[in-house]
Amino acid sequence: MRKWLVFLFLLLIISFSVVGMLQNSPTHGTEVETTIEKNFIQNS
């Protein structure tokens, strides 16, 4: 039973990531990454 829950959870994560990749354009993805990196550098 627990294995099925883990499997479904991983399947959800993979599907969400695929949908996100399809919705976002490559330039938008890099912009988000750079903003996250800037925020991380400022916080540290």
PDB file of N, CA and C in Angstrom:
ATOM      1  N   MET A   1       0.844  -1.205   0.000  1.00  0.00           N
ATOM      2  CA  MET A   1       0.000   0.000   0.000  1.00  0.00           C
ATOM      3  C   MET A   1       0.882   1.259   0.000  1.00  0.00           C
ATOM      4  N   ARG A   2       1.913   1.245   0.840  1.00  0.00           N
ATOM      5  CA  ARG A   2       2.772   2.424   0.918  1.00  0.00           C
ATOM      6  C   ARG A   2       3.526   2.630  -0.389  1.00  0.00           C
ATOM      7  N   LYS A   3       3.918   1.530  -1.038  1.00  0.00           N
ATOM      8  CA  LYS A   3       4.621   1.650  -2.319  1.00  0.00           C
ATOM      9  C   LYS A   3       3.733   2.335  -3.350  1.00  0.00           C
ATOM     10  N   TRP A   4       2.431   2.003  -3.359  1.00  0.00           N
ATOM     11  CA  TRP A   4       1.522   2.625  -4.326  1.00  0.00           C
ATOM     12  C   TRP A   4       1.411   4.123  -4.063  1.00  0.00           C
ATOM     13  N   LEU A   5       1.382   4.518  -2.786  1.00  0.00           N
ATOM     14  CA  LEU A   5       1.289   5.946  -2.469  1.00  0.00           C
ATOM     15  C   LEU A   5       2.527   6.684  -2.966  1.00  0.00           C
ATOM     16  N   VAL A   6       3.698   6.103  -2.745  1.00  0.00           N
ATOM     17  CA  VAL A   6       4.938   6.737  -3.207  1.00  0.00           C
ATOM     18  C   VAL A   6       4.943   6.831  -4.725  1.00  0.00           C
ATOM     19  N   PHE A   7       4.486   5.758  -5.382  1.00  0.00           N
ATOM     20  CA  PHE A   7       4.465   5.745  -6.843  1.00  0.00           C
ATOM     21  C   PHE A   7       3.531   6.827  -7.377  1.00  0.00           C
ATOM     22  N   LEU A   8       2.346   6.955  -6.794  1.00  0.00           N
ATOM     23  CA  LEU A   8       1.403   7.982  -7.242  1.00  0.00           C
ATOM     24  C   LEU A   8       1.969   9.378  -6.977  1.00  0.00           C
ATOM     25  N   PHE A   9       2.651   9.554  -5.842  1.00  0.00           N
ATOM     26  CA  PHE A   9       3.224  10.854  -5.510  1.00  0.00           C
ATOM     27  C   PHE A   9       4.280  11.248  -6.537  1.00  0.00           C
ATOM     28  N   LEU A  10       5.161  10.305  -6.882  1.00  0.00           N
ATOM     29  CA  LEU A  10       6.185  10.585  -7.893  1.00  0.00           C
ATOM     30  C   LEU A  10       5.541  10.879  -9.238  1.00  0.00           C
ATOM     31  N   LEU A  11       4.481  10.146  -9.565  1.00  0.00           N
ATOM     32  CA  LEU A  11       3.799  10.358 -10.839  1.00  0.00           C
ATOM     33  C   LEU A  11       3.211  11.770 -10.886  1.00  0.00           C
ATOM     34  N   LEU A  12       2.650  12.228  -9.767  1.00  0.00           N
ATOM     35  CA  LEU A  12       2.100  13.579  -9.704  1.00  0.00           C
ATOM     36  C   LEU A  12       3.202  14.610  -9.931  1.00  0.00           C
ATOM     37  N   ILE A  13       4.330  14.439  -9.256  1.00  0.00           N
ATOM     38  CA  ILE A  13       5.430  15.401  -9.391  1.00  0.00           C
ATOM     39  C   ILE A  13       5.920  15.454 -10.832  1.00  0.00           C
ATOM     40  N   ILE A  14       6.085  14.275 -11.452  1.00  0.00           N
ATOM     41  CA  ILE A  14       6.571  14.232 -12.833  1.00  0.00           C
ATOM     42  C   ILE A  14       5.579  14.917 -13.769  1.00  0.00           C
ATOM     43  N   SER A  15       4.282  14.635 -13.576  1.00  0.00           N
ATOM     44  CA  SER A  15       3.277  15.227 -14.464  1.00  0.00           C
ATOM     45  C   SER A  15       3.251  16.747 -14.302  1.00  0.00           C
ATOM     46  N   PHE A  16       3.357  17.223 -13.054  1.00  0.00           N
ATOM     47  CA  PHE A  16       3.357  18.668 -12.827  1.00  0.00           C
ATOM     48  C   PHE A  16       4.567  19.321 -13.488  1.00  0.00           C
ATOM     49  N   SER A  17       5.732  18.668 -13.379  1.00  0.00           N
ATOM     50  CA  SER A  17       6.943  19.242 -13.977  1.00  0.00           C
ATOM     51  C   SER A  17       6.819  19.278 -15.498  1.00  0.00           C
ATOM     52  N   VAL A  18       6.238  18.234 -16.093  1.00  0.00           N
ATOM     53  CA  VAL A  18       6.073  18.197 -17.547  1.00  0.00           C
ATOM     54  C   VAL A  18       5.112  19.296 -17.986  1.00  0.00           C
ATOM     55  N   VAL A  19       4.009  19.461 -17.260  1.00  0.00           N
ATOM     56  CA  VAL A  19       3.041  20.507 -17.608  1.00  0.00           C
ATOM     57  C   VAL A  19       3.701  21.880 -17.485  1.00  0.00           C
ATOM     58  N   GLY A  20       4.506  22.073 -16.446  1.00  0.00           N
ATOM     59  CA  GLY A  20       5.193  23.350 -16.261  1.00  0.00           C
ATOM     60  C   GLY A  20       6.157  23.623 -17.394  1.00  0.00           C
ATOM     61  N   MET A  21       6.884  22.590 -17.834  1.00  0.00           N
ATOM     62  CA  MET A  21       7.829  22.762 -18.934  1.00  0.00           C
ATOM     63  C   MET A  21       7.094  23.103 -20.219  1.00  0.00           C
ATOM     64  N   LEU A  22       5.927  22.490 -20.438  1.00  0.00           N
ATOM     65  CA  LEU A  22       5.181  22.751 -21.667  1.00  0.00           C
ATOM     66  C   LEU A  22       4.591  24.156 -21.637  1.00  0.00           C
ATOM     67  N   GLN A  23       4.118  24.612 -20.463  1.00  0.00           N
ATOM     68  CA  GLN A  23       3.473  25.918 -20.386  1.00  0.00           C
ATOM     69  C   GLN A  23       4.496  27.046 -20.480  1.00  0.00           C
ATOM     70  N   ASN A  24       5.644  26.879 -19.810  1.00  0.00           N
ATOM     71  CA  ASN A  24       6.641  27.954 -19.764  1.00  0.00           C
ATOM     72  C   ASN A  24       7.519  27.931 -21.000  1.00  0.00           C
ATOM     73  N   SER A  25       7.814  29.117 -21.523  1.00  0.00           N
ATOM     74  CA  SER A  25       8.775  29.202 -22.618  1.00  0.00           C
ATOM     75  C   SER A  25      10.186  29.113 -22.037  1.00  0.00           C
ATOM     76  N   PRO A  26      11.174  28.711 -22.823  1.00  0.00           N
ATOM     77  CA  PRO A  26      12.542  28.574 -22.306  1.00  0.00           C
ATOM     78  C   PRO A  26      13.077  29.864 -21.693  1.00  0.00           C
ATOM     79  N   THR A  27      12.773  31.017 -22.295  1.00  0.00           N
ATOM     80  CA  THR A  27      13.280  32.278 -21.758  1.00  0.00           C
ATOM     81  C   THR A  27      12.667  32.546 -20.391  1.00  0.00           C
ATOM     82  N   HIS A  28      11.376  32.261 -20.234  1.00  0.00           N
ATOM     83  CA  HIS A  28      10.716  32.490 -18.951  1.00  0.00           C
ATOM     84  C   HIS A  28      11.351  31.621 -17.874  1.00  0.00           C
ATOM     85  N   GLY A  29      11.686  30.378 -18.217  1.00  0.00           N
ATOM     86  CA  GLY A  29      12.298  29.472 -17.247  1.00  0.00           C
ATOM     87  C   GLY A  29      13.640  30.000 -16.761  1.00  0.00           C
ATOM     88  N   THR A  30      14.461  30.512 -17.685  1.00  0.00           N
ATOM     89  CA  THR A  30      15.773  31.022 -17.286  1.00  0.00           C
ATOM     90  C   THR A  30      15.609  32.280 -16.442  1.00  0.00           C
ATOM     91  N   GLU A  31      14.608  33.109 -16.736  1.00  0.00           N
ATOM     92  CA  GLU A  31      14.382  34.311 -15.940  1.00  0.00           C
ATOM     93  C   GLU A  31      14.053  33.932 -14.506  1.00  0.00           C
ATOM     94  N   VAL A  32      13.205  32.928 -14.335  1.00  0.00           N
ATOM     95  CA  VAL A  32      12.835  32.492 -12.987  1.00  0.00           C
ATOM     96  C   VAL A  32      14.063  31.966 -12.256  1.00  0.00           C
ATOM     97  N   GLU A  33      14.908  31.201 -12.952  1.00  0.00           N
ATOM     98  CA  GLU A  33      16.106  30.647 -12.317  1.00  0.00           C
ATOM     99  C   GLU A  33      17.045  31.759 -11.862  1.00  0.00           C
ATOM    100  N   THR A  34      17.237  32.782 -12.704  1.00  0.00           N
ATOM    101  CA  THR A  34      18.161  33.852 -12.341  1.00  0.00           C
ATOM    102  C   THR A  34      17.617  34.643 -11.156  1.00  0.00           C
ATOM    103  N   THR A  35      16.315  34.897 -11.107  1.00  0.00           N
ATOM    104  CA  THR A  35      15.744  35.642  -9.983  1.00  0.00           C
ATOM    105  C   THR A  35      15.898  34.842  -8.696  1.00  0.00           C
ATOM    106  N   ILE A  36      15.707  33.523  -8.768  1.00  0.00           N
ATOM    107  CA  ILE A  36      15.869  32.687  -7.578  1.00  0.00           C
ATOM    108  C   ILE A  36      17.323  32.741  -7.116  1.00  0.00           C
ATOM    109  N   GLU A  37      18.265  32.693  -8.067  1.00  0.00           N
ATOM    110  CA  GLU A  37      19.684  32.747  -7.705  1.00  0.00           C
ATOM    111  C   GLU A  37      20.017  34.092  -7.064  1.00  0.00           C
ATOM    112  N   LYS A  38      19.488  35.198  -7.592  1.00  0.00           N
ATOM    113  CA  LYS A  38      19.753  36.516  -7.020  1.00  0.00           C
ATOM    114  C   LYS A  38      19.208  36.593  -5.597  1.00  0.00           C
ATOM    115  N   ASN A  39      17.984  36.113  -5.388  1.00  0.00           N
ATOM    116  CA  ASN A  39      17.401  36.139  -4.049  1.00  0.00           C
ATOM    117  C   ASN A  39      18.221  35.292  -3.086  1.00  0.00           C
ATOM    118  N   PHE A  40      18.688  34.133  -3.543  1.00  0.00           N
ATOM    119  CA  PHE A  40      19.485  33.246  -2.693  1.00  0.00           C
ATOM    120  C   PHE A  40      20.798  33.922  -2.303  1.00  0.00           C
ATOM    121  N   ILE A  41      21.431  34.621  -3.264  1.00  0.00           N
ATOM    122  CA  ILE A  41      22.701  35.298  -2.980  1.00  0.00           C
ATOM    123  C   ILE A  41      22.468  36.441  -1.989  1.00  0.00           C
ATOM    124  N   GLN A  42      21.361  37.173  -2.137  1.00  0.00           N
ATOM    125  CA  GLN A  42      21.078  38.280  -1.223  1.00  0.00           C
ATOM    126  C   GLN A  42      20.798  37.764   0.186  1.00  0.00           C
ATOM    127  N   ASN A  43      20.082  36.648   0.299  1.00  0.00           N
ATOM    128  CA  ASN A  43      19.733  36.117   1.620  1.00  0.00           C
ATOM    129  C   ASN A  43      20.939  35.520   2.325  1.00  0.00           C
ATOM    130  N   SER A  44      21.870  34.938   1.589  1.00  0.00           N
ATOM    131  CA  SER A  44      23.009  34.269   2.233  1.00  0.00           C
ATOM    132  C   SER A  44      24.066  35.279   2.690  1.00  0.00           C
TER     133      SER A  44
END
